[in-house]
C-alpha atoms as a PDB file:
ATOM      1  CA  UNK A   1      51.300 106.870 109.018  1.00  0.00           C
ATOM      2  CA  UNK A   2      53.847 109.211 107.416  1.00  0.00           C
ATOM      3  CA  UNK A   3      53.228 110.937 104.119  1.00  0.00           C
ATOM      4  CA  UNK A   4      55.614 110.381 101.217  1.00  0.00           C
ATOM      5  CA  UNK A   5      57.085 113.875 101.573  1.00  0.00           C
ATOM      6  CA  UNK A   6      57.763 113.279 105.287  1.00  0.00           C
ATOM      7  CA  UNK A   7      59.432 109.972 104.437  1.00  0.00           C
ATOM      8  CA  UNK A   8      61.660 111.617 101.832  1.00  0.00           C
ATOM      9  CA  UNK A   9      62.427 114.493 104.207  1.00  0.00           C
ATOM     10  CA  UNK A  10      63.392 112.084 106.956  1.00  0.00           C
ATOM     11  CA  UNK A  11      65.474 110.005 104.556  1.00  0.00           C
ATOM     12  CA  UNK A  12      67.198 113.109 103.199  1.00  0.00           C
ATOM     13  CA  UNK A  13      68.043 114.309 106.693  1.00  0.00           C
ATOM     14  CA  UNK A  14      69.421 110.883 107.674  1.00  0.00           C
ATOM     15  CA  UNK A  15      71.433 110.725 104.455  1.00  0.00           C
ATOM     16  CA  UNK A  16      72.831 114.214 105.040  1.00  0.00           C
ATOM     17  CA  UNK A  17      73.876 113.274 108.575  1.00  0.00           C
ATOM     18  CA  UNK A  18      75.504 110.099 107.274  1.00  0.00           C
ATOM     19  CA  UNK A  19      77.353 112.116 104.631  1.00  0.00           C
ATOM     20  CA  UNK A  20      78.663 114.520 107.284  1.00  0.00           C
ATOM     21  CA  UNK A  21      79.796 111.571 109.415  1.00  0.00           C
ATOM     22  CA  UNK A  22      81.562 110.027 106.415  1.00  0.00           C
ATOM     23  CA  UNK A  23      83.287 113.292 105.486  1.00  0.00           C
ATOM     24  CA  UNK A  24      84.414 113.732 109.080  1.00  0.00           C
ATOM     25  CA  UNK A  25      85.751 110.186 109.191  1.00  0.00           C
ATOM     26  CA  UNK A  26      87.586 110.582 105.881  1.00  0.00           C
ATOM     27  CA  UNK A  27      89.026 113.922 106.969  1.00  0.00           C
ATOM     28  CA  UNK A  28      90.322 112.359 110.185  1.00  0.00           C
ATOM     29  CA  UNK A  29      91.893 109.495 108.206  1.00  0.00           C
ATOM     30  CA  UNK A  30      93.491 111.990 105.820  1.00  0.00           C
ATOM     31  CA  UNK A  31      94.967 113.967 108.708  1.00  0.00           C
ATOM     32  CA  UNK A  32      96.293 110.772 110.301  1.00  0.00           C
ATOM     33  CA  UNK A  33      97.999 109.867 107.030  1.00  0.00           C
ATOM     34  CA  UNK A  34      99.406 113.374 106.649  1.00  0.00           C
ATOM     35  CA  UNK A  35     100.779 113.201 110.197  1.00  0.00           C
ATOM     36  CA  UNK A  36     102.471 109.894 109.354  1.00  0.00           C
ATOM     37  CA  UNK A  37     104.018 111.380 106.203  1.00  0.00           C
ATOM     38  CA  UNK A  38     105.229 114.426 108.136  1.00  0.00           C
ATOM     39  CA  UNK A  39     106.747 112.191 110.832  1.00  0.00           C
ATOM     40  CA  UNK A  40     108.413 110.065 108.161  1.00  0.00           C
ATOM     41  CA  UNK A  41     109.813 113.148 106.443  1.00  0.00           C
ATOM     42  CA  UNK A  42     111.036 114.682 109.696  1.00  0.00           C
ATOM     43  CA  UNK A  43     112.776 111.466 110.709  1.00  0.00           C
ATOM     44  CA  UNK A  44     114.264 111.067 107.240  1.00  0.00           C
ATOM     45  CA  UNK A  45     115.507 114.664 107.203  1.00  0.00           C
ATOM     46  CA  UNK A  46     117.028 114.364 110.677  1.00  0.00           C
ATOM     47  CA  UNK A  47     118.689 111.058 109.854  1.00  0.00           C
ATOM     48  CA  UNK A  48     119.902 112.368 106.506  1.00  0.00           C
ATOM     49  CA  UNK A  49     121.436 115.439 108.114  1.00  0.00           C
ATOM     50  CA  UNK A  50     123.249 113.361 110.717  1.00  0.00           C
ATOM     51  CA  UNK A  51     124.493 110.858 108.143  1.00  0.00           C
ATOM     52  CA  UNK A  52     125.551 113.616 105.733  1.00  0.00           C
ATOM     53  CA  UNK A  53     127.606 115.255 108.452  1.00  0.00           C
ATOM     54  CA  UNK A  54     129.372 111.985 109.259  1.00  0.00           C
ATOM     55  CA  UNK A  55     129.916 111.246 105.557  1.00  0.00           C
ATOM     56  CA  UNK A  56     131.311 114.718 104.899  1.00  0.00           C
ATOM     57  CA  UNK A  57     133.769 114.345 107.780  1.00  0.00           C
ATOM     58  CA  UNK A  58     134.897 110.992 106.414  1.00  0.00           C
ATOM     59  CA  UNK A  59     135.334 112.394 102.912  1.00  0.00           C
ATOM     60  CA  UNK A  60     137.295 115.412 104.159  1.00  0.00           C
ATOM     61  CA  UNK A  61     139.592 113.128 106.128  1.00  0.00           C
ATOM     62  CA  UNK A  62     140.478 111.059 103.033  1.00  0.00           C
ATOM     63  CA  UNK A  63     144.218 111.048 102.470  1.00  0.00           C
ATOM     64  CA  UNK A  64     144.195 110.469  98.714  1.00  0.00           C
ATOM     65  CA  UNK A  65     141.748 110.403  95.786  1.00  0.00           C
ATOM     66  CA  UNK A  66     141.479 106.620  95.823  1.00  0.00           C
ATOM     67  CA  UNK A  67     140.349 106.611  99.467  1.00  0.00           C
ATOM     68  CA  UNK A  68     137.945 109.475  98.668  1.00  0.00           C
ATOM     69  CA  UNK A  69     136.313 107.529  95.806  1.00  0.00           C
ATOM     70  CA  UNK A  70     136.258 104.344  97.862  1.00  0.00           C
ATOM     71  CA  UNK A  71     134.408 106.134 100.668  1.00  0.00           C
ATOM     72  CA  UNK A  72     132.015 107.660  98.148  1.00  0.00           C
ATOM     73  CA  UNK A  73     131.175 104.306  96.572  1.00  0.00           C
ATOM     74  CA  UNK A  74     130.778 102.678  99.996  1.00  0.00           C
ATOM     75  CA  UNK A  75     128.173 105.286 100.905  1.00  0.00           C
ATOM     76  CA  UNK A  76     126.150 104.775  97.723  1.00  0.00           C
ATOM     77  CA  UNK A  77     124.534 101.453  98.635  1.00  0.00           C
ATOM     78  CA  UNK A  78     123.360 102.379 102.162  1.00  0.00           C
ATOM     79  CA  UNK A  79     122.012 105.668 100.826  1.00  0.00           C
ATOM     80  CA  UNK A  80     120.122 103.876  98.052  1.00  0.00           C
ATOM     81  CA  UNK A  81     118.755 101.330 100.525  1.00  0.00           C
ATOM     82  CA  UNK A  82     117.532 104.109 102.806  1.00  0.00           C
ATOM     83  CA  UNK A  83     115.845 105.856  99.890  1.00  0.00           C
ATOM     84  CA  UNK A  84     114.233 102.570  98.974  1.00  0.00           C
ATOM     85  CA  UNK A  85     113.037 101.993 102.554  1.00  0.00           C
ATOM     86  CA  UNK A  86     111.650 105.536 102.626  1.00  0.00           C
ATOM     87  CA  UNK A  87     109.707 105.022  99.403  1.00  0.00           C
ATOM     88  CA  UNK A  88     108.327 101.705 100.651  1.00  0.00           C
ATOM     89  CA  UNK A  89     107.223 103.284 103.914  1.00  0.00           C
ATOM     90  CA  UNK A  90     105.603 106.155 102.029  1.00  0.00           C
ATOM     91  CA  UNK A  91     103.822 103.696  99.719  1.00  0.00           C
ATOM     92  CA  UNK A  92     102.641 101.748 102.769  1.00  0.00           C
ATOM     93  CA  UNK A  93     101.142 104.898 104.299  1.00  0.00           C
ATOM     94  CA  UNK A  94      99.377 105.706 101.025  1.00  0.00           C
ATOM     95  CA  UNK A  95      98.131 102.147 100.629  1.00  0.00           C
ATOM     96  CA  UNK A  96      96.759 102.055 104.182  1.00  0.00           C
ATOM     97  CA  UNK A  97      95.037 105.417 103.679  1.00  0.00           C
ATOM     98  CA  UNK A  98      93.489 104.192 100.437  1.00  0.00           C
ATOM     99  CA  UNK A  99      92.272 101.022 102.168  1.00  0.00           C
ATOM    100  CA  UNK A 100      90.700 103.059 104.973  1.00  0.00           C
ATOM    101  CA  UNK A 101      89.025 105.409 102.494  1.00  0.00           C
ATOM    102  CA  UNK A 102      87.682 102.456 100.536  1.00  0.00           C
ATOM    103  CA  UNK A 103      86.374 100.804 103.695  1.00  0.00           C
ATOM    104  CA  UNK A 104      84.562 103.960 104.827  1.00  0.00           C
ATOM    105  CA  UNK A 105      83.133 104.572 101.361  1.00  0.00           C
ATOM    106  CA  UNK A 106      81.959 100.964 100.972  1.00  0.00           C
ATOM    107  CA  UNK A 107      80.277 101.049 104.373  1.00  0.00           C
ATOM    108  CA  UNK A 108      78.585 104.350 103.591  1.00  0.00           C
ATOM    109  CA  UNK A 109      77.400 103.242 100.177  1.00  0.00           C
ATOM    110  CA  UNK A 110      76.041  99.955 101.521  1.00  0.00           C
ATOM    111  CA  UNK A 111      74.154 101.772 104.273  1.00  0.00           C
ATOM    112  CA  UNK A 112      72.798 104.386 101.861  1.00  0.00           C
ATOM    113  CA  UNK A 113      71.654 101.672  99.454  1.00  0.00           C
ATOM    114  CA  UNK A 114      69.939  99.817 102.270  1.00  0.00           C
ATOM    115  CA  UNK A 115      68.128 102.982 103.326  1.00  0.00           C
ATOM    116  CA  UNK A 116      67.111 103.890  99.780  1.00  0.00           C
ATOM    117  CA  UNK A 117      65.768 100.407  99.111  1.00  0.00           C
ATOM    118  CA  UNK A 118      63.907 100.479 102.425  1.00  0.00           C
ATOM    119  CA  UNK A 119      62.422 103.863 101.552  1.00  0.00           C
ATOM    120  CA  UNK A 120      61.390 102.651  98.106  1.00  0.00           C
ATOM    121  CA  UNK A 121      59.722  99.608  99.629  1.00  0.00           C
ATOM    122  CA  UNK A 122      57.869 101.773 102.140  1.00  0.00           C
ATOM    123  CA  UNK A 123      56.768 104.288  99.540  1.00  0.00           C
ATOM    124  CA  UNK A 124      55.653 101.601  97.078  1.00  0.00           C
ATOM    125  CA  UNK A 125      53.360 100.066  99.663  1.00  0.00           C
ATOM    126  CA  UNK A 126      51.147 103.116  99.261  1.00  0.00           C
ATOM    127  CA  UNK A 127      51.818 103.675  95.560  1.00  0.00           C
ATOM    128  CA  UNK A 128      48.850 103.880  93.263  1.00  0.00           C
ATOM    129  CA  UNK A 129      48.021 100.970  91.008  1.00  0.00           C
ATOM    130  CA  UNK A 130      49.924 100.944  87.734  1.00  0.00           C
ATOM    131  CA  UNK A 131      53.133 102.417  89.172  1.00  0.00           C
ATOM    132  CA  UNK A 132      54.862  99.023  89.334  1.00  0.00           C
ATOM    133  CA  UNK A 133      56.876  99.780  86.186  1.00  0.00           C
ATOM    134  CA  UNK A 134      58.252 103.003  87.671  1.00  0.00           C
ATOM    135  CA  UNK A 135      59.206 101.189  90.874  1.00  0.00           C
ATOM    136  CA  UNK A 136      60.886  98.410  88.872  1.00  0.00           C
ATOM    137  CA  UNK A 137      62.833 100.992  86.827  1.00  0.00           C
ATOM    138  CA  UNK A 138      63.942 102.739  89.997  1.00  0.00           C
ATOM    139  CA  UNK A 139      65.135  99.463  91.527  1.00  0.00           C
ATOM    140  CA  UNK A 140      66.942  98.592  88.290  1.00  0.00           C
ATOM    141  CA  UNK A 141      68.661 101.991  88.277  1.00  0.00           C
ATOM    142  CA  UNK A 142      69.855 101.443  91.841  1.00  0.00           C
ATOM    143  CA  UNK A 143      71.048  97.948  90.929  1.00  0.00           C
ATOM    144  CA  UNK A 144      72.957  99.336  87.941  1.00  0.00           C
ATOM    145  CA  UNK A 145      74.543 102.043  90.090  1.00  0.00           C
ATOM    146  CA  UNK A 146      75.640  99.383  92.589  1.00  0.00           C
ATOM    147  CA  UNK A 147      77.104  97.253  89.800  1.00  0.00           C
ATOM    148  CA  UNK A 148      78.989 100.288  88.473  1.00  0.00           C
ATOM    149  CA  UNK A 149      80.363 101.026  91.920  1.00  0.00           C
ATOM    150  CA  UNK A 150      81.432  97.397  92.375  1.00  0.00           C
ATOM    151  CA  UNK A 151      83.284  97.516  89.055  1.00  0.00           C
ATOM    152  CA  UNK A 152      84.961 100.796  90.017  1.00  0.00           C
ATOM    153  CA  UNK A 153      86.026  99.293  93.341  1.00  0.00           C
ATOM    154  CA  UNK A 154      87.494  96.226  91.650  1.00  0.00           C
ATOM    155  CA  UNK A 155      89.340  98.339  89.097  1.00  0.00           C
ATOM    156  CA  UNK A 156      90.748 100.601  91.816  1.00  0.00           C
ATOM    157  CA  UNK A 157      91.948  97.622  93.848  1.00  0.00           C
ATOM    158  CA  UNK A 158      93.616  96.135  90.768  1.00  0.00           C
ATOM    159  CA  UNK A 159      95.317  99.455  90.035  1.00  0.00           C
ATOM    160  CA  UNK A 160      96.650  99.687  93.596  1.00  0.00           C
ATOM    161  CA  UNK A 161      97.900  96.084  93.472  1.00  0.00           C
ATOM    162  CA  UNK A 162      99.608  96.751  90.130  1.00  0.00           C
ATOM    163  CA  UNK A 163     101.213  99.920  91.500  1.00  0.00           C
ATOM    164  CA  UNK A 164     102.502  98.067  94.561  1.00  0.00           C
ATOM    165  CA  UNK A 165     103.829  95.235  92.399  1.00  0.00           C
ATOM    166  CA  UNK A 166     105.569  97.664  90.042  1.00  0.00           C
ATOM    167  CA  UNK A 167     107.041  99.546  92.966  1.00  0.00           C
ATOM    168  CA  UNK A 168     108.406  96.350  94.512  1.00  0.00           C
ATOM    169  CA  UNK A 169     109.885  95.305  91.164  1.00  0.00           C
ATOM    170  CA  UNK A 170     111.489  98.708  90.674  1.00  0.00           C
ATOM    171  CA  UNK A 171     112.828  98.675  94.223  1.00  0.00           C
ATOM    172  CA  UNK A 172     114.333  95.233  93.698  1.00  0.00           C
ATOM    173  CA  UNK A 173     115.998  96.296  90.444  1.00  0.00           C
ATOM    174  CA  UNK A 174     117.234  99.508  92.018  1.00  0.00           C
ATOM    175  CA  UNK A 175     118.771  97.516  94.874  1.00  0.00           C
ATOM    176  CA  UNK A 176     120.430  95.142  92.401  1.00  0.00           C
ATOM    177  CA  UNK A 177     121.909  98.035  90.419  1.00  0.00           C
ATOM    178  CA  UNK A 178     123.280  99.762  93.513  1.00  0.00           C
ATOM    179  CA  UNK A 179     124.845  96.481  94.644  1.00  0.00           C
ATOM    180  CA  UNK A 180     126.513  96.054  91.244  1.00  0.00           C
ATOM    181  CA  UNK A 181     127.720  99.675  91.173  1.00  0.00           C
ATOM    182  CA  UNK A 182     129.068  99.373  94.705  1.00  0.00           C
ATOM    183  CA  UNK A 183     130.836  96.107  93.879  1.00  0.00           C
ATOM    184  CA  UNK A 184     132.306  97.553  90.685  1.00  0.00           C
ATOM    185  CA  UNK A 185     133.555 100.640  92.514  1.00  0.00           C
ATOM    186  CA  UNK A 186     135.364  98.497  95.079  1.00  0.00           C
ATOM    187  CA  UNK A 187     137.282  96.678  92.329  1.00  0.00           C
END
């Protein structure tokens, strides 16, 4: 039979190893997300450079000011749509990264809670008489911490959903405005 100190030592070591595994997993997810953002930015920069070159050639070949302004207004909507697509893609990368982080954290917390409760149960089997109140307080504290974490998780998810909703609304309005501006410029 293990002593209490050996049980805590073993639990601490297992928890430390789990923490290292979680940090490694989160770091890998962060690097994957950063790679996606870098790829997105590189593709956007390359595309923007190519499109800017074509647009500049078209503008320099305009024969009169009216054709120049017509070309300029015709380029506004596609440029706005590309900026909108870029921001949506960037938001998607961030949202996926947040979901992965949440998943890893939830898994880690659930496993840690399971281990702590198991350790408490094991230790309390050999606890002296009269320590039931301390054990009950400890279990209550863990329950309260879990409830706090659950509330934090719910609040975070609501905040992300609200951000995504606001972004979609703003993108829709931005698209409407660019369509109106483009239509007005053609008249």
